[in-house]
Full PDB file with SEQRES, HELIX, SHEET, SSBOND, CRYST1, ORIGX, SCALE, CONECT and MASTER records, all heavy atoms in Angstrom:
SEQRES   1 A   37  LEU ALA ALA LEU ALA ASP GLY PRO SER ARG ILE ARG GLY          
SEQRES   2 A   37  VAL ALA HIS ILE ARG GLY HIS GLU THR ASP ARG ILE ALA          
SEQRES   3 A   37  ALA LEU ALA THR GLU ILE ASN ARG LEU GLY GLY                  
HELIX    1 AA1 ALA A    2  LEU A    4  5                                   3    
HELIX    2 AA2 ALA A   15  GLY A   19  5                                   5    
HELIX    3 AA3 ARG A   24  ARG A   34  1                                  11    
CRYST1    1.000    1.000    1.000  90.00  90.00  90.00 P 1           1          
ORIGX1      1.000000  0.000000  0.000000        0.00000                         
ORIGX2      0.000000  1.000000  0.000000        0.00000                         
ORIGX3      0.000000  0.000000  1.000000        0.00000                         
SCALE1      1.000000  0.000000  0.000000        0.00000                         
SCALE2      0.000000  1.000000  0.000000        0.00000                         
SCALE3      0.000000  0.000000  1.000000        0.00000                         
ATOM      1  N   LEU A   1       9.242  27.665   7.652  1.00  0.00           N  
ATOM      2  CA  LEU A   1       7.887  28.167   7.586  1.00  0.00           C  
ATOM      3  C   LEU A   1       7.698  29.546   8.162  1.00  0.00           C  
ATOM      4  O   LEU A   1       6.917  30.379   7.592  1.00  0.00           O  
ATOM      5  CB  LEU A   1       6.989  27.124   8.278  1.00  0.00           C  
ATOM      6  CG  LEU A   1       6.763  25.773   7.618  1.00  0.00           C  
ATOM      7  CD1 LEU A   1       5.996  24.885   8.492  1.00  0.00           C  
ATOM      8  CD2 LEU A   1       6.026  25.955   6.367  1.00  0.00           C  
ATOM      9  N   ALA A   2       8.364  29.757   9.276  1.00  0.00           N  
ATOM     10  CA  ALA A   2       8.243  31.149   9.909  1.00  0.00           C  
ATOM     11  C   ALA A   2       8.830  32.206   8.982  1.00  0.00           C  
ATOM     12  O   ALA A   2       8.224  33.281   8.967  1.00  0.00           O  
ATOM     13  CB  ALA A   2       9.000  31.116  11.247  1.00  0.00           C  
ATOM     14  N   ALA A   3       9.781  31.892   8.210  1.00  0.00           N  
ATOM     15  CA  ALA A   3      10.374  32.919   7.267  1.00  0.00           C  
ATOM     16  C   ALA A   3       9.385  33.239   6.177  1.00  0.00           C  
ATOM     17  O   ALA A   3       9.498  34.278   5.526  1.00  0.00           O  
ATOM     18  CB  ALA A   3      11.673  32.395   6.674  1.00  0.00           C  
ATOM     19  N   LEU A   4       8.383  32.394   5.938  1.00  0.00           N  
ATOM     20  CA  LEU A   4       7.438  32.550   4.851  1.00  0.00           C  
ATOM     21  C   LEU A   4       6.047  33.004   5.454  1.00  0.00           C  
ATOM     22  O   LEU A   4       5.117  33.230   4.676  1.00  0.00           O  
ATOM     23  CB  LEU A   4       7.217  31.286   4.077  1.00  0.00           C  
ATOM     24  CG  LEU A   4       8.522  30.814   3.384  1.00  0.00           C  
ATOM     25  CD1 LEU A   4       8.253  29.309   2.865  1.00  0.00           C  
ATOM     26  CD2 LEU A   4       8.943  31.608   2.193  1.00  0.00           C  
ATOM     27  N   ALA A   5       5.924  33.079   6.698  1.00  0.00           N  
ATOM     28  CA  ALA A   5       4.638  33.344   7.391  1.00  0.00           C  
ATOM     29  C   ALA A   5       4.254  34.809   7.250  1.00  0.00           C  
ATOM     30  O   ALA A   5       5.061  35.662   6.914  1.00  0.00           O  
ATOM     31  CB  ALA A   5       4.688  32.909   8.829  1.00  0.00           C  
ATOM     32  N   ASP A   6       2.988  35.089   7.592  1.00  0.00           N  
ATOM     33  CA  ASP A   6       2.440  36.408   7.465  1.00  0.00           C  
ATOM     34  C   ASP A   6       2.479  37.221   8.786  1.00  0.00           C  
ATOM     35  O   ASP A   6       2.056  38.331   8.893  1.00  0.00           O  
ATOM     36  CB  ASP A   6       1.028  36.438   6.980  1.00  0.00           C  
ATOM     37  CG  ASP A   6       0.065  35.643   7.859  1.00  0.00           C  
ATOM     38  OD1 ASP A   6       0.456  35.268   8.972  1.00  0.00           O  
ATOM     39  OD2 ASP A   6      -1.078  35.326   7.355  1.00  0.00           O  
ATOM     40  N   GLY A   7       3.143  36.588   9.810  1.00  0.00           N  
ATOM     41  CA  GLY A   7       3.342  37.260  11.111  1.00  0.00           C  
ATOM     42  C   GLY A   7       4.569  36.837  11.798  1.00  0.00           C  
ATOM     43  O   GLY A   7       5.215  35.820  11.338  1.00  0.00           O  
ATOM     44  N   PRO A   8       4.979  37.475  12.885  1.00  0.00           N  
ATOM     45  CA  PRO A   8       6.250  37.137  13.485  1.00  0.00           C  
ATOM     46  C   PRO A   8       6.179  35.816  14.211  1.00  0.00           C  
ATOM     47  O   PRO A   8       5.115  35.354  14.667  1.00  0.00           O  
ATOM     48  CB  PRO A   8       6.418  38.303  14.526  1.00  0.00           C  
ATOM     49  CG  PRO A   8       5.121  38.782  14.794  1.00  0.00           C  
ATOM     50  CD  PRO A   8       4.254  38.616  13.475  1.00  0.00           C  
ATOM     51  N   SER A   9       7.330  35.208  14.354  1.00  0.00           N  
ATOM     52  CA  SER A   9       7.469  33.927  15.078  1.00  0.00           C  
ATOM     53  C   SER A   9       8.589  33.989  16.149  1.00  0.00           C  
ATOM     54  O   SER A   9       9.570  34.720  15.956  1.00  0.00           O  
ATOM     55  CB  SER A   9       7.824  32.788  14.119  1.00  0.00           C  
ATOM     56  OG  SER A   9       6.768  32.571  13.261  1.00  0.00           O  
ATOM     57  N   ARG A  10       8.438  33.137  17.204  1.00  0.00           N  
ATOM     58  CA  ARG A  10       9.567  32.982  18.111  1.00  0.00           C  
ATOM     59  C   ARG A  10       9.717  31.486  18.350  1.00  0.00           C  
ATOM     60  O   ARG A  10       8.739  30.809  18.676  1.00  0.00           O  
ATOM     61  CB  ARG A  10       9.220  33.717  19.391  1.00  0.00           C  
ATOM     62  CG  ARG A  10      10.439  33.645  20.379  1.00  0.00           C  
ATOM     63  CD  ARG A  10      10.127  34.279  21.712  1.00  0.00           C  
ATOM     64  NE  ARG A  10      11.266  34.134  22.607  1.00  0.00           N  
ATOM     65  CZ  ARG A  10      11.150  34.334  23.955  1.00  0.00           C  
ATOM     66  NH1 ARG A  10      10.040  34.680  24.495  1.00  0.00           N  
ATOM     67  NH2 ARG A  10      12.219  34.163  24.755  1.00  0.00           N  
ATOM     68  N   ILE A  11      10.952  31.010  18.237  1.00  0.00           N  
ATOM     69  CA  ILE A  11      11.215  29.612  18.539  1.00  0.00           C  
ATOM     70  C   ILE A  11      12.081  29.608  19.770  1.00  0.00           C  
ATOM     71  O   ILE A  11      13.129  30.240  19.826  1.00  0.00           O  
ATOM     72  CB  ILE A  11      11.955  28.919  17.365  1.00  0.00           C  
ATOM     73  CG1 ILE A  11      11.044  28.872  16.179  1.00  0.00           C  
ATOM     74  CG2 ILE A  11      12.421  27.516  17.740  1.00  0.00           C  
ATOM     75  CD1 ILE A  11      11.684  28.399  14.871  1.00  0.00           C  
ATOM     76  N   ARG A  12      11.645  28.820  20.823  1.00  0.00           N  
ATOM     77  CA  ARG A  12      12.360  28.917  22.102  1.00  0.00           C  
ATOM     78  C   ARG A  12      12.777  27.500  22.544  1.00  0.00           C  
ATOM     79  O   ARG A  12      12.334  26.422  22.013  1.00  0.00           O  
ATOM     80  CB  ARG A  12      11.334  29.470  23.211  1.00  0.00           C  
ATOM     81  CG  ARG A  12      10.925  30.843  22.902  1.00  0.00           C  
ATOM     82  CD  ARG A  12       9.888  31.374  23.949  1.00  0.00           C  
ATOM     83  NE  ARG A  12       8.554  30.746  23.693  1.00  0.00           N  
ATOM     84  CZ  ARG A  12       7.958  29.868  24.440  1.00  0.00           C  
ATOM     85  NH1 ARG A  12       8.603  29.391  25.493  1.00  0.00           N  
ATOM     86  NH2 ARG A  12       6.774  29.403  24.091  1.00  0.00           N  
ATOM     87  N   GLY A  13      13.667  27.429  23.550  1.00  0.00           N  
ATOM     88  CA  GLY A  13      14.030  26.149  24.228  1.00  0.00           C  
ATOM     89  C   GLY A  13      14.964  25.302  23.467  1.00  0.00           C  
ATOM     90  O   GLY A  13      15.188  24.102  23.821  1.00  0.00           O  
ATOM     91  N   VAL A  14      15.676  25.829  22.432  1.00  0.00           N  
ATOM     92  CA  VAL A  14      16.545  24.975  21.634  1.00  0.00           C  
ATOM     93  C   VAL A  14      18.010  25.398  21.653  1.00  0.00           C  
ATOM     94  O   VAL A  14      18.786  25.207  20.680  1.00  0.00           O  
ATOM     95  CB  VAL A  14      16.044  24.956  20.147  1.00  0.00           C  
ATOM     96  CG1 VAL A  14      14.647  24.267  20.106  1.00  0.00           C  
ATOM     97  CG2 VAL A  14      15.977  26.341  19.497  1.00  0.00           C  
ATOM     98  N   ALA A  15      18.464  25.977  22.772  1.00  0.00           N  
ATOM     99  CA  ALA A  15      19.882  26.385  22.851  1.00  0.00           C  
ATOM    100  C   ALA A  15      20.810  25.183  22.518  1.00  0.00           C  
ATOM    101  O   ALA A  15      21.886  25.392  21.965  1.00  0.00           O  
ATOM    102  CB  ALA A  15      20.145  26.944  24.223  1.00  0.00           C  
ATOM    103  N   HIS A  16      20.441  23.979  22.858  1.00  0.00           N  
ATOM    104  CA  HIS A  16      21.280  22.844  22.712  1.00  0.00           C  
ATOM    105  C   HIS A  16      21.538  22.507  21.186  1.00  0.00           C  
ATOM    106  O   HIS A  16      22.517  21.799  20.911  1.00  0.00           O  
ATOM    107  CB  HIS A  16      20.661  21.576  23.389  1.00  0.00           C  
ATOM    108  CG  HIS A  16      19.259  21.229  22.853  1.00  0.00           C  
ATOM    109  ND1 HIS A  16      18.141  21.924  23.207  1.00  0.00           N  
ATOM    110  CD2 HIS A  16      18.874  20.254  22.019  1.00  0.00           C  
ATOM    111  CE1 HIS A  16      17.097  21.401  22.639  1.00  0.00           C  
ATOM    112  NE2 HIS A  16      17.558  20.360  21.904  1.00  0.00           N  
ATOM    113  N   ILE A  17      20.745  23.017  20.311  1.00  0.00           N  
ATOM    114  CA  ILE A  17      21.036  22.690  18.850  1.00  0.00           C  
ATOM    115  C   ILE A  17      22.168  23.363  18.314  1.00  0.00           C  
ATOM    116  O   ILE A  17      22.572  23.209  17.169  1.00  0.00           O  
ATOM    117  CB  ILE A  17      19.765  22.871  17.996  1.00  0.00           C  
ATOM    118  CG1 ILE A  17      19.411  24.325  17.804  1.00  0.00           C  
ATOM    119  CG2 ILE A  17      18.545  22.113  18.549  1.00  0.00           C  
ATOM    120  CD1 ILE A  17      18.244  24.550  16.745  1.00  0.00           C  
ATOM    121  N   ARG A  18      22.821  24.309  19.151  1.00  0.00           N  
ATOM    122  CA  ARG A  18      24.065  24.863  18.677  1.00  0.00           C  
ATOM    123  C   ARG A  18      25.190  23.812  18.532  1.00  0.00           C  
ATOM    124  O   ARG A  18      26.207  23.967  17.916  1.00  0.00           O  
ATOM    125  CB  ARG A  18      24.524  25.968  19.646  1.00  0.00           C  
ATOM    126  CG  ARG A  18      23.608  27.231  19.567  1.00  0.00           C  
ATOM    127  CD  ARG A  18      24.209  28.387  20.422  1.00  0.00           C  
ATOM    128  NE  ARG A  18      23.333  29.542  20.412  1.00  0.00           N  
ATOM    129  CZ  ARG A  18      23.258  30.419  19.499  1.00  0.00           C  
ATOM    130  NH1 ARG A  18      24.021  30.317  18.365  1.00  0.00           N  
ATOM    131  NH2 ARG A  18      22.467  31.485  19.648  1.00  0.00           N  
ATOM    132  N   GLY A  19      24.898  22.680  19.267  1.00  0.00           N  
ATOM    133  CA  GLY A  19      25.905  21.561  19.262  1.00  0.00           C  
ATOM    134  C   GLY A  19      25.464  20.344  18.400  1.00  0.00           C  
ATOM    135  O   GLY A  19      25.936  19.288  18.498  1.00  0.00           O  
ATOM    136  N   HIS A  20      24.499  20.615  17.515  1.00  0.00           N  
ATOM    137  CA  HIS A  20      24.058  19.508  16.603  1.00  0.00           C  
ATOM    138  C   HIS A  20      24.992  19.427  15.426  1.00  0.00           C  
ATOM    139  O   HIS A  20      26.169  19.766  15.520  1.00  0.00           O  
ATOM    140  CB  HIS A  20      22.575  19.766  16.110  1.00  0.00           C  
ATOM    141  CG  HIS A  20      21.590  19.280  17.165  1.00  0.00           C  
ATOM    142  ND1 HIS A  20      20.292  19.150  16.936  1.00  0.00           N  
ATOM    143  CD2 HIS A  20      21.786  19.012  18.532  1.00  0.00           C  
ATOM    144  CE1 HIS A  20      19.634  18.670  18.048  1.00  0.00           C  
ATOM    145  NE2 HIS A  20      20.526  18.675  18.982  1.00  0.00           N  
ATOM    146  N   GLU A  21      24.561  18.910  14.264  1.00  0.00           N  
ATOM    147  CA  GLU A  21      25.478  18.784  13.137  1.00  0.00           C  
ATOM    148  C   GLU A  21      26.254  20.096  12.828  1.00  0.00           C  
ATOM    149  O   GLU A  21      27.333  20.146  12.297  1.00  0.00           O  
ATOM    150  CB  GLU A  21      24.695  18.366  11.901  1.00  0.00           C  
ATOM    151  CG  GLU A  21      24.309  16.872  11.903  1.00  0.00           C  
ATOM    152  CD  GLU A  21      23.122  16.525  12.767  1.00  0.00           C  
ATOM    153  OE1 GLU A  21      22.644  17.338  13.561  1.00  0.00           O  
ATOM    154  OE2 GLU A  21      22.609  15.334  12.630  1.00  0.00           O  
ATOM    155  N   THR A  22      25.566  21.231  13.090  1.00  0.00           N  
ATOM    156  CA  THR A  22      26.176  22.476  13.047  1.00  0.00           C  
ATOM    157  C   THR A  22      25.444  23.350  14.078  1.00  0.00           C  
ATOM    158  O   THR A  22      24.509  22.806  14.774  1.00  0.00           O  
ATOM    159  CB  THR A  22      26.084  23.188  11.664  1.00  0.00           C  
ATOM    160  OG1 THR A  22      26.896  24.359  11.609  1.00  0.00           O  
ATOM    161  CG2 THR A  22      24.680  23.573  11.350  1.00  0.00           C  
ATOM    162  N   ASP A  23      25.864  24.529  14.323  1.00  0.00           N  
ATOM    163  CA  ASP A  23      25.159  25.497  15.205  1.00  0.00           C  
ATOM    164  C   ASP A  23      23.884  25.889  14.443  1.00  0.00           C  
ATOM    165  O   ASP A  23      23.875  26.789  13.600  1.00  0.00           O  
ATOM    166  CB  ASP A  23      25.980  26.708  15.488  1.00  0.00           C  
ATOM    167  CG  ASP A  23      25.198  27.707  16.380  1.00  0.00           C  
ATOM    168  OD1 ASP A  23      23.988  27.681  16.421  1.00  0.00           O  
ATOM    169  OD2 ASP A  23      25.884  28.528  17.051  1.00  0.00           O  
ATOM    170  N   ARG A  24      22.787  25.137  14.605  1.00  0.00           N  
ATOM    171  CA  ARG A  24      21.559  25.343  13.811  1.00  0.00           C  
ATOM    172  C   ARG A  24      20.959  26.725  14.067  1.00  0.00           C  
ATOM    173  O   ARG A  24      20.362  27.237  13.084  1.00  0.00           O  
ATOM    174  CB  ARG A  24      20.571  24.210  14.070  1.00  0.00           C  
ATOM    175  CG  ARG A  24      20.970  22.884  13.401  1.00  0.00           C  
ATOM    176  CD  ARG A  24      19.944  21.771  13.666  1.00  0.00           C  
ATOM    177  NE  ARG A  24      20.261  20.618  12.850  1.00  0.00           N  
ATOM    178  CZ  ARG A  24      19.807  19.420  13.046  1.00  0.00           C  
ATOM    179  NH1 ARG A  24      18.890  19.209  14.047  1.00  0.00           N  
ATOM    180  NH2 ARG A  24      20.121  18.377  12.307  1.00  0.00           N  
ATOM    181  N   ILE A  25      21.080  27.209  15.227  1.00  0.00           N  
ATOM    182  CA  ILE A  25      20.489  28.561  15.370  1.00  0.00           C  
ATOM    183  C   ILE A  25      21.252  29.597  14.544  1.00  0.00           C  
ATOM    184  O   ILE A  25      20.612  30.381  13.817  1.00  0.00           O  
ATOM    185  CB  ILE A  25      20.575  28.965  16.913  1.00  0.00           C  
ATOM    186  CG1 ILE A  25      19.697  28.047  17.758  1.00  0.00           C  
ATOM    187  CG2 ILE A  25      20.227  30.412  17.130  1.00  0.00           C  
ATOM    188  CD1 ILE A  25      19.752  28.232  19.223  1.00  0.00           C  
ATOM    189  N   ALA A  26      22.553  29.671  14.611  1.00  0.00           N  
ATOM    190  CA  ALA A  26      23.285  30.604  13.872  1.00  0.00           C  
ATOM    191  C   ALA A  26      23.124  30.317  12.359  1.00  0.00           C  
ATOM    192  O   ALA A  26      23.077  31.294  11.553  1.00  0.00           O  
ATOM    193  CB  ALA A  26      24.814  30.555  14.213  1.00  0.00           C  
ATOM    194  N   ALA A  27      23.117  29.023  11.957  1.00  0.00           N  
ATOM    195  CA  ALA A  27      22.996  28.709  10.573  1.00  0.00           C  
ATOM    196  C   ALA A  27      21.645  29.167   9.977  1.00  0.00           C  
ATOM    197  O   ALA A  27      21.552  29.711   8.878  1.00  0.00           O  
ATOM    198  CB  ALA A  27      23.200  27.220  10.326  1.00  0.00           C  
ATOM    199  N   LEU A  28      20.552  28.914  10.706  1.00  0.00           N  
ATOM    200  CA  LEU A  28      19.301  29.343  10.267  1.00  0.00           C  
ATOM    201  C   LEU A  28      19.128  30.832  10.132  1.00  0.00           C  
ATOM    202  O   LEU A  28      18.644  31.301   9.132  1.00  0.00           O  
ATOM    203  CB  LEU A  28      18.173  28.742  11.142  1.00  0.00           C  
ATOM    204  CG  LEU A  28      17.952  27.230  11.010  1.00  0.00           C  
ATOM    205  CD1 LEU A  28      17.098  26.717  12.201  1.00  0.00           C  
ATOM    206  CD2 LEU A  28      17.184  26.922   9.697  1.00  0.00           C  
ATOM    207  N   ALA A  29      19.582  31.490  11.108  1.00  0.00           N  
ATOM    208  CA  ALA A  29      19.549  32.975  11.011  1.00  0.00           C  
ATOM    209  C   ALA A  29      20.339  33.476   9.854  1.00  0.00           C  
ATOM    210  O   ALA A  29      19.901  34.386   9.086  1.00  0.00           O  
ATOM    211  CB  ALA A  29      20.061  33.624  12.323  1.00  0.00           C  
ATOM    212  N   THR A  30      21.540  32.953   9.688  1.00  0.00           N  
ATOM    213  CA  THR A  30      22.366  33.308   8.542  1.00  0.00           C  
ATOM    214  C   THR A  30      21.719  33.155   7.199  1.00  0.00           C  
ATOM    215  O   THR A  30      21.687  33.994   6.356  1.00  0.00           O  
ATOM    216  CB  THR A  30      23.785  32.659   8.629  1.00  0.00           C  
ATOM    217  OG1 THR A  30      24.399  32.996   9.802  1.00  0.00           O  
ATOM    218  CG2 THR A  30      24.602  33.011   7.425  1.00  0.00           C  
ATOM    219  N   GLU A  31      21.189  31.949   6.994  1.00  0.00           N  
ATOM    220  CA  GLU A  31      20.619  31.589   5.673  1.00  0.00           C  
ATOM    221  C   GLU A  31      19.309  32.294   5.403  1.00  0.00           C  
ATOM    222  O   GLU A  31      19.038  32.669   4.255  1.00  0.00           O  
ATOM    223  CB  GLU A  31      20.497  30.017   5.589  1.00  0.00           C  
ATOM    224  CG  GLU A  31      21.791  29.335   5.713  1.00  0.00           C  
ATOM    225  CD  GLU A  31      22.963  29.935   4.870  1.00  0.00           C  
ATOM    226  OE1 GLU A  31      22.736  30.159   3.630  1.00  0.00           O  
ATOM    227  OE2 GLU A  31      24.027  30.213   5.437  1.00  0.00           O  
ATOM    228  N   ILE A  32      18.464  32.454   6.415  1.00  0.00           N  
ATOM    229  CA  ILE A  32      17.193  33.238   6.225  1.00  0.00           C  
ATOM    230  C   ILE A  32      17.532  34.690   5.862  1.00  0.00           C  
ATOM    231  O   ILE A  32      17.049  35.243   4.878  1.00  0.00           O  
ATOM    232  CB  ILE A  32      16.337  33.121   7.411  1.00  0.00           C  
ATOM    233  CG1 ILE A  32      15.776  31.770   7.587  1.00  0.00           C  
ATOM    234  CG2 ILE A  32      15.148  34.171   7.376  1.00  0.00           C  
ATOM    235  CD1 ILE A  32      15.078  31.461   8.869  1.00  0.00           C  
ATOM    236  N   ASN A  33      18.488  35.254   6.527  1.00  0.00           N  
ATOM    237  CA  ASN A  33      18.876  36.666   6.321  1.00  0.00           C  
ATOM    238  C   ASN A  33      19.602  36.751   4.966  1.00  0.00           C  
ATOM    239  O   ASN A  33      19.542  37.803   4.210  1.00  0.00           O  
ATOM    240  CB  ASN A  33      19.736  37.170   7.371  1.00  0.00           C  
ATOM    241  CG  ASN A  33      18.971  37.325   8.685  1.00  0.00           C  
ATOM    242  OD1 ASN A  33      17.761  37.345   8.720  1.00  0.00           O  
ATOM    243  ND2 ASN A  33      19.712  37.431   9.813  1.00  0.00           N  
ATOM    244  N   ARG A  34      20.304  35.722   4.520  1.00  0.00           N  
ATOM    245  CA  ARG A  34      21.033  35.748   3.200  1.00  0.00           C  
ATOM    246  C   ARG A  34      20.061  35.924   2.101  1.00  0.00           C  
ATOM    247  O   ARG A  34      20.348  36.493   1.040  1.00  0.00           O  
ATOM    248  CB  ARG A  34      21.838  34.478   3.041  1.00  0.00           C  
ATOM    249  CG  ARG A  34      22.779  34.493   1.832  1.00  0.00           C  
ATOM    250  CD  ARG A  34      23.272  33.074   1.497  1.00  0.00           C  
ATOM    251  NE  ARG A  34      23.924  32.428   2.570  1.00  0.00           N  
ATOM    252  CZ  ARG A  34      25.219  32.660   2.836  1.00  0.00           C  
ATOM    253  NH1 ARG A  34      25.899  33.466   2.246  1.00  0.00           N  
ATOM    254  NH2 ARG A  34      25.753  31.963   3.914  1.00  0.00           N  
ATOM    255  N   LEU A  35      18.818  35.375   2.255  1.00  0.00           N  
ATOM    256  CA  LEU A  35      17.783  35.482   1.265  1.00  0.00           C  
ATOM    257  C   LEU A  35      16.926  36.681   1.412  1.00  0.00           C  
ATOM    258  O   LEU A  35      15.920  36.841   0.814  1.00  0.00           O  
ATOM    259  CB  LEU A  35      16.895  34.223   1.287  1.00  0.00           C  
ATOM    260  CG  LEU A  35      17.611  32.891   1.045  1.00  0.00           C  
ATOM    261  CD1 LEU A  35      16.611  31.764   1.039  1.00  0.00           C  
ATOM    262  CD2 LEU A  35      18.416  32.889  -0.228  1.00  0.00           C  
ATOM    263  N   GLY A  36      17.294  37.612   2.292  1.00  0.00           N  
ATOM    264  CA  GLY A  36      16.574  38.842   2.532  1.00  0.00           C  
ATOM    265  C   GLY A  36      15.544  38.870   3.664  1.00  0.00           C  
ATOM    266  O   GLY A  36      14.846  39.781   3.904  1.00  0.00           O  
ATOM    267  N   GLY A  37      15.606  37.787   4.443  1.00  0.00           N  
ATOM    268  CA  GLY A  37      14.698  37.620   5.579  1.00  0.00           C  
ATOM    269  C   GLY A  37      15.163  38.382   6.813  1.00  0.00           C  
ATOM    270  O   GLY A  37      16.238  39.141   6.822  1.00  0.00           O  
TER     271      GLY A  37                                                      
MASTER        0    0    0    3    0    0    0    6  270    1    0    3          
END                                                                             
């Protein structure tokens, strides 16, 4: 949703999701940027 929003966003407090099914922080940044975000 933040990638589609009309203003900037910050998501905090989720360092631990780097150890979920994948490193979700790195994966989200990579995929949003892959689409031009």
